[in-house]
Each structure stands twice: as structure tokens, then as C-alpha cells.
């Protein structure tokens, strides 16, 4: 069991590494990732990211919901406040879904799932919660329609059994 003493010990090792020192608020590579909260699918580990490489947002299923879009808009405002002027070129937004996702189990609770997506229960089937390839493609399209242009977006599916990532939607500009 990991208790607070163990967490404090691990934190001391982290502090000794110095990896956090003088990192800017914004990620160094303008990479943004939306992924699932499933502990088997930590986007930083699965994608080989290092500290400061990306802004990683995690939620149930790694889904793009209205709340997710609102958060991305707020993060853009934070970046704008820290770095006045035009947005920095480059960057990439990655939607990362995975196999054997627990969001499939929420299909048994349609009212809660519909509330999560902020849609009527009758529209849940269109969210493809049972198919990670379909859902990641759908969420990439949502981002392309909802956010301002200029940032390439791609969709990946991580296989929890093989550890491999499949590109379902190649990076496309919007």
C-alpha cells in the first residue's frame, strides 16, 4: 500500500532529481493530450513524455466533452496571459483513447453518462462508448469543429494488452 510516508519519500527523490527546476508554466513542445484516468493508461508514460513536454488532461474515457472544451479554452487564455502576442507556431493536440475502457461499464448508467456528455439520453448511442476507434475519431472531429484553427489534431488508441498505440486519425490541421 502506498501511504503518505511513501509519497513523501518518493517526493524527496523527485526533489533531489531537480527535473522540475525552472520549468515554464507552458509545455516546452506545445503538445496537448487528452486521455483517460485509467491508471493503466497514463499518457505521459504510454507516450514516453518527459516532465514539461506536454499539457496532459485526463477524464473518464479521455473523452472530449463540453467541459473538456471549456478547459482547453481556459488553458489557451492562461498561455495568452503568460506570453502576450500571437500564439506560438507548432504544437499538436492528441486524443488518446484505449481498449478495455471502464467508460463502457457506464453504459449501464445512461442518465449519468448523458449528463457527463451534456446530451439527452437518447443521443448516447452516437457517442460510441463501446468502440475506442470510433470514439477517438468522433472526438477529433469535435475538437476540429469547436476550437479555433491552427493546431494539428490526431487520435490514438492504446491497447492495454499489447502496450501499442495505433494511429486512428493522423495529425490533421484544422
C-alpha atoms as a PDB file:
ATOM      1  CA  UNK A   1       0.000   0.000   0.000  1.00  0.00           C
ATOM      2  CA  UNK A   2       1.203   3.462  -0.850  1.00  0.00           C
ATOM      3  CA  UNK A   3       0.727   5.754   2.141  1.00  0.00           C
ATOM      4  CA  UNK A   4       1.695   9.372   2.756  1.00  0.00           C
ATOM      5  CA  UNK A   5       5.097   8.402   4.136  1.00  0.00           C
ATOM      6  CA  UNK A   6       5.876   6.566   0.896  1.00  0.00           C
ATOM      7  CA  UNK A   7       4.615   9.505  -1.135  1.00  0.00           C
ATOM      8  CA  UNK A   8       6.843  11.872   0.859  1.00  0.00           C
ATOM      9  CA  UNK A   9       9.846   9.568   0.290  1.00  0.00           C
ATOM     10  CA  UNK A  10       9.160   9.483  -3.437  1.00  0.00           C
ATOM     11  CA  UNK A  11       8.757  13.246  -3.460  1.00  0.00           C
ATOM     12  CA  UNK A  12      12.159  13.646  -1.817  1.00  0.00           C
ATOM     13  CA  UNK A  13      13.676  11.603  -4.654  1.00  0.00           C
ATOM     14  CA  UNK A  14      11.860  13.810  -7.150  1.00  0.00           C
ATOM     15  CA  UNK A  15      13.164  16.967  -5.476  1.00  0.00           C
ATOM     16  CA  UNK A  16      16.704  15.563  -5.481  1.00  0.00           C
ATOM     17  CA  UNK A  17      16.467  14.980  -9.242  1.00  0.00           C
ATOM     18  CA  UNK A  18      15.949  18.708  -9.869  1.00  0.00           C
ATOM     19  CA  UNK A  19      13.948  17.921 -13.010  1.00  0.00           C
ATOM     20  CA  UNK A  20      11.273  20.441 -12.035  1.00  0.00           C
ATOM     21  CA  UNK A  21      13.620  23.401 -11.579  1.00  0.00           C
ATOM     22  CA  UNK A  22      12.795  26.472 -13.651  1.00  0.00           C
ATOM     23  CA  UNK A  23      10.266  24.741 -15.912  1.00  0.00           C
ATOM     24  CA  UNK A  24       7.935  27.227 -17.563  1.00  0.00           C
ATOM     25  CA  UNK A  25       4.193  27.058 -16.953  1.00  0.00           C
ATOM     26  CA  UNK A  26       3.648  26.167 -20.595  1.00  0.00           C
ATOM     27  CA  UNK A  27       4.800  22.866 -22.006  1.00  0.00           C
ATOM     28  CA  UNK A  28       8.075  23.012 -23.857  1.00  0.00           C
ATOM     29  CA  UNK A  29       6.714  21.439 -27.035  1.00  0.00           C
ATOM     30  CA  UNK A  30       3.175  22.836 -27.243  1.00  0.00           C
ATOM     31  CA  UNK A  31       1.822  19.281 -27.049  1.00  0.00           C
ATOM     32  CA  UNK A  32      -1.621  18.797 -25.529  1.00  0.00           C
ATOM     33  CA  UNK A  33      -3.023  15.373 -24.711  1.00  0.00           C
ATOM     34  CA  UNK A  34      -6.486  14.355 -23.541  1.00  0.00           C
ATOM     35  CA  UNK A  35      -6.527  10.851 -22.085  1.00  0.00           C
ATOM     36  CA  UNK A  36      -8.362   8.601 -19.668  1.00  0.00           C
ATOM     37  CA  UNK A  37      -7.973   8.476 -15.889  1.00  0.00           C
ATOM     38  CA  UNK A  38      -7.443   4.689 -16.058  1.00  0.00           C
ATOM     39  CA  UNK A  39      -4.213   4.012 -14.104  1.00  0.00           C
ATOM     40  CA  UNK A  40      -3.089   1.581 -16.839  1.00  0.00           C
ATOM     41  CA  UNK A  41      -3.058   4.416 -19.369  1.00  0.00           C
ATOM     42  CA  UNK A  42      -1.011   7.299 -18.012  1.00  0.00           C
ATOM     43  CA  UNK A  43      -0.441   9.324 -21.214  1.00  0.00           C
ATOM     44  CA  UNK A  44       2.964  10.570 -20.080  1.00  0.00           C
ATOM     45  CA  UNK A  45       4.233   7.029 -19.595  1.00  0.00           C
ATOM     46  CA  UNK A  46       2.444   5.433 -22.570  1.00  0.00           C
ATOM     47  CA  UNK A  47       3.686   8.145 -24.949  1.00  0.00           C
ATOM     48  CA  UNK A  48       7.183   8.421 -23.459  1.00  0.00           C
ATOM     49  CA  UNK A  49       6.805  12.054 -22.422  1.00  0.00           C
ATOM     50  CA  UNK A  50       9.179  13.726 -20.030  1.00  0.00           C
ATOM     51  CA  UNK A  51       8.429  16.345 -17.435  1.00  0.00           C
ATOM     52  CA  UNK A  52       7.281  19.553 -19.130  1.00  0.00           C
ATOM     53  CA  UNK A  53       6.769  18.023 -22.605  1.00  0.00           C
ATOM     54  CA  UNK A  54       3.003  18.398 -22.658  1.00  0.00           C
ATOM     55  CA  UNK A  55      -0.161  19.587 -21.044  1.00  0.00           C
ATOM     56  CA  UNK A  56      -1.981  16.365 -20.160  1.00  0.00           C
ATOM     57  CA  UNK A  57      -5.651  16.442 -19.265  1.00  0.00           C
ATOM     58  CA  UNK A  58      -7.351  13.287 -18.026  1.00  0.00           C
ATOM     59  CA  UNK A  59     -11.001  12.446 -17.564  1.00  0.00           C
ATOM     60  CA  UNK A  60     -13.354   9.462 -17.758  1.00  0.00           C
ATOM     61  CA  UNK A  61     -12.678   7.752 -21.091  1.00  0.00           C
ATOM     62  CA  UNK A  62     -10.378  10.531 -22.295  1.00  0.00           C
ATOM     63  CA  UNK A  63     -13.473  11.933 -23.948  1.00  0.00           C
ATOM     64  CA  UNK A  64     -13.935  15.371 -25.420  1.00  0.00           C
ATOM     65  CA  UNK A  65     -16.919  16.775 -23.557  1.00  0.00           C
ATOM     66  CA  UNK A  66     -18.199  20.337 -23.359  1.00  0.00           C
ATOM     67  CA  UNK A  67     -16.309  20.637 -20.057  1.00  0.00           C
ATOM     68  CA  UNK A  68     -13.113  19.467 -21.769  1.00  0.00           C
ATOM     69  CA  UNK A  69     -13.505  22.086 -24.489  1.00  0.00           C
ATOM     70  CA  UNK A  70     -14.128  24.792 -21.892  1.00  0.00           C
ATOM     71  CA  UNK A  71     -10.948  23.738 -20.084  1.00  0.00           C
ATOM     72  CA  UNK A  72      -8.869  23.888 -23.292  1.00  0.00           C
ATOM     73  CA  UNK A  73     -10.179  27.399 -23.971  1.00  0.00           C
ATOM     74  CA  UNK A  74      -9.246  28.452 -20.429  1.00  0.00           C
ATOM     75  CA  UNK A  75      -5.767  26.935 -20.816  1.00  0.00           C
ATOM     76  CA  UNK A  76      -5.303  28.939 -24.012  1.00  0.00           C
ATOM     77  CA  UNK A  77      -6.151  32.081 -22.061  1.00  0.00           C
ATOM     78  CA  UNK A  78      -3.569  31.189 -19.411  1.00  0.00           C
ATOM     79  CA  UNK A  79      -0.978  30.765 -22.169  1.00  0.00           C
ATOM     80  CA  UNK A  80      -2.010  34.076 -23.698  1.00  0.00           C
ATOM     81  CA  UNK A  81      -1.671  35.839 -20.352  1.00  0.00           C
ATOM     82  CA  UNK A  82       1.799  34.397 -19.798  1.00  0.00           C
ATOM     83  CA  UNK A  83       3.003  35.035 -23.326  1.00  0.00           C
ATOM     84  CA  UNK A  84       1.306  38.087 -24.855  1.00  0.00           C
ATOM     85  CA  UNK A  85       1.150  38.367 -28.612  1.00  0.00           C
ATOM     86  CA  UNK A  86       0.191  35.895 -31.297  1.00  0.00           C
ATOM     87  CA  UNK A  87       0.044  32.189 -30.430  1.00  0.00           C
ATOM     88  CA  UNK A  88       3.301  30.310 -30.829  1.00  0.00           C
ATOM     89  CA  UNK A  89       3.579  28.237 -34.016  1.00  0.00           C
ATOM     90  CA  UNK A  90       3.661  24.486 -33.878  1.00  0.00           C
ATOM     91  CA  UNK A  91       2.030  22.218 -31.428  1.00  0.00           C
ATOM     92  CA  UNK A  92      -0.259  19.264 -31.574  1.00  0.00           C
ATOM     93  CA  UNK A  93      -3.361  18.065 -29.745  1.00  0.00           C
ATOM     94  CA  UNK A  94      -3.681  14.303 -29.234  1.00  0.00           C
ATOM     95  CA  UNK A  95      -6.855  12.478 -28.252  1.00  0.00           C
ATOM     96  CA  UNK A  96      -5.852   9.191 -26.594  1.00  0.00           C
ATOM     97  CA  UNK A  97      -8.493   6.512 -26.009  1.00  0.00           C
ATOM     98  CA  UNK A  98      -7.807   2.890 -25.093  1.00  0.00           C
ATOM     99  CA  UNK A  99      -9.120  -0.642 -25.232  1.00  0.00           C
ATOM    100  CA  UNK A 100     -10.958  -2.177 -22.267  1.00  0.00           C
ATOM    101  CA  UNK A 101     -12.018   1.266 -21.045  1.00  0.00           C
ATOM    102  CA  UNK A 102     -14.208   1.482 -17.975  1.00  0.00           C
ATOM    103  CA  UNK A 103     -16.449   4.039 -19.680  1.00  0.00           C
ATOM    104  CA  UNK A 104     -18.079   1.029 -21.368  1.00  0.00           C
ATOM    105  CA  UNK A 105     -19.342  -0.049 -17.947  1.00  0.00           C
ATOM    106  CA  UNK A 106     -21.105   3.289 -17.593  1.00  0.00           C
ATOM    107  CA  UNK A 107     -23.442   2.308 -20.426  1.00  0.00           C
ATOM    108  CA  UNK A 108     -25.436   0.625 -17.636  1.00  0.00           C
ATOM    109  CA  UNK A 109     -25.979   4.116 -16.166  1.00  0.00           C
ATOM    110  CA  UNK A 110     -27.301   6.085 -19.137  1.00  0.00           C
ATOM    111  CA  UNK A 111     -28.516   9.084 -17.131  1.00  0.00           C
ATOM    112  CA  UNK A 112     -25.076   9.675 -15.612  1.00  0.00           C
ATOM    113  CA  UNK A 113     -23.310   9.106 -18.914  1.00  0.00           C
ATOM    114  CA  UNK A 114     -25.648  11.505 -20.728  1.00  0.00           C
ATOM    115  CA  UNK A 115     -25.039  14.113 -18.039  1.00  0.00           C
ATOM    116  CA  UNK A 116     -21.283  13.667 -18.474  1.00  0.00           C
ATOM    117  CA  UNK A 117     -21.572  14.348 -22.213  1.00  0.00           C
ATOM    118  CA  UNK A 118     -24.191  17.065 -21.608  1.00  0.00           C
ATOM    119  CA  UNK A 119     -26.598  15.420 -24.052  1.00  0.00           C
ATOM    120  CA  UNK A 120     -30.016  13.767 -23.856  1.00  0.00           C
ATOM    121  CA  UNK A 121     -30.010  10.032 -23.041  1.00  0.00           C
ATOM    122  CA  UNK A 122     -31.483   9.360 -26.492  1.00  0.00           C
ATOM    123  CA  UNK A 123     -28.229  10.582 -28.096  1.00  0.00           C
ATOM    124  CA  UNK A 124     -25.857   8.321 -26.125  1.00  0.00           C
ATOM    125  CA  UNK A 125     -25.576   5.689 -28.841  1.00  0.00           C
ATOM    126  CA  UNK A 126     -23.953   8.321 -31.045  1.00  0.00           C
ATOM    127  CA  UNK A 127     -21.079   8.667 -28.567  1.00  0.00           C
ATOM    128  CA  UNK A 128     -19.622   5.224 -29.429  1.00  0.00           C
ATOM    129  CA  UNK A 129     -18.624   4.432 -25.844  1.00  0.00           C
ATOM    130  CA  UNK A 130     -18.153   0.757 -26.714  1.00  0.00           C
ATOM    131  CA  UNK A 131     -15.711   1.354 -29.615  1.00  0.00           C
ATOM    132  CA  UNK A 132     -12.481   3.275 -28.871  1.00  0.00           C
ATOM    133  CA  UNK A 133     -11.563   3.668 -32.550  1.00  0.00           C
ATOM    134  CA  UNK A 134     -14.914   5.205 -33.402  1.00  0.00           C
ATOM    135  CA  UNK A 135     -14.946   7.347 -30.264  1.00  0.00           C
ATOM    136  CA  UNK A 136     -11.458   8.749 -30.841  1.00  0.00           C
ATOM    137  CA  UNK A 137     -12.324   9.659 -34.447  1.00  0.00           C
ATOM    138  CA  UNK A 138     -15.520  11.310 -33.223  1.00  0.00           C
ATOM    139  CA  UNK A 139     -13.696  13.308 -30.552  1.00  0.00           C
ATOM    140  CA  UNK A 140     -11.048  14.505 -33.009  1.00  0.00           C
ATOM    141  CA  UNK A 141     -13.857  15.834 -35.209  1.00  0.00           C
ATOM    142  CA  UNK A 142     -15.445  17.560 -32.216  1.00  0.00           C
ATOM    143  CA  UNK A 143     -12.185  19.357 -31.493  1.00  0.00           C
ATOM    144  CA  UNK A 144     -11.737  20.386 -35.107  1.00  0.00           C
ATOM    145  CA  UNK A 145     -15.206  21.946 -35.134  1.00  0.00           C
ATOM    146  CA  UNK A 146     -15.070  23.534 -31.686  1.00  0.00           C
ATOM    147  CA  UNK A 147     -11.651  25.083 -31.270  1.00  0.00           C
ATOM    148  CA  UNK A 148     -10.035  27.836 -33.329  1.00  0.00           C
ATOM    149  CA  UNK A 149      -7.926  26.664 -36.285  1.00  0.00           C
ATOM    150  CA  UNK A 150      -4.179  26.318 -36.276  1.00  0.00           C
ATOM    151  CA  UNK A 151      -3.413  23.264 -34.163  1.00  0.00           C
ATOM    152  CA  UNK A 152      -2.980  19.790 -35.687  1.00  0.00           C
ATOM    153  CA  UNK A 153      -5.163  17.164 -34.022  1.00  0.00           C
ATOM    154  CA  UNK A 154      -4.730  13.395 -34.055  1.00  0.00           C
ATOM    155  CA  UNK A 155      -6.413  10.400 -32.477  1.00  0.00           C
ATOM    156  CA  UNK A 156      -4.650   7.411 -30.956  1.00  0.00           C
ATOM    157  CA  UNK A 157      -5.901   4.205 -29.372  1.00  0.00           C
ATOM    158  CA  UNK A 158      -3.733   2.449 -26.802  1.00  0.00           C
ATOM    159  CA  UNK A 159      -4.101  -1.314 -26.481  1.00  0.00           C
ATOM    160  CA  UNK A 160      -3.896  -2.183 -22.774  1.00  0.00           C
ATOM    161  CA  UNK A 161      -2.923  -5.787 -23.611  1.00  0.00           C
ATOM    162  CA  UNK A 162      -0.062  -5.152 -26.054  1.00  0.00           C
ATOM    163  CA  UNK A 163       1.071  -1.690 -24.927  1.00  0.00           C
ATOM    164  CA  UNK A 164       0.969  -0.475 -28.528  1.00  0.00           C
ATOM    165  CA  UNK A 165      -0.560   2.773 -29.737  1.00  0.00           C
ATOM    166  CA  UNK A 166      -2.489   2.774 -33.018  1.00  0.00           C
ATOM    167  CA  UNK A 167      -2.928   5.979 -35.003  1.00  0.00           C
ATOM    168  CA  UNK A 168      -6.614   6.094 -35.879  1.00  0.00           C
ATOM    169  CA  UNK A 169      -6.644   9.722 -37.046  1.00  0.00           C
ATOM    170  CA  UNK A 170      -3.369  11.041 -38.441  1.00  0.00           C
ATOM    171  CA  UNK A 171      -2.398  14.597 -37.459  1.00  0.00           C
ATOM    172  CA  UNK A 172      -4.502  16.981 -39.471  1.00  0.00           C
ATOM    173  CA  UNK A 173      -4.520  20.744 -39.432  1.00  0.00           C
ATOM    174  CA  UNK A 174      -7.828  22.394 -38.827  1.00  0.00           C
END
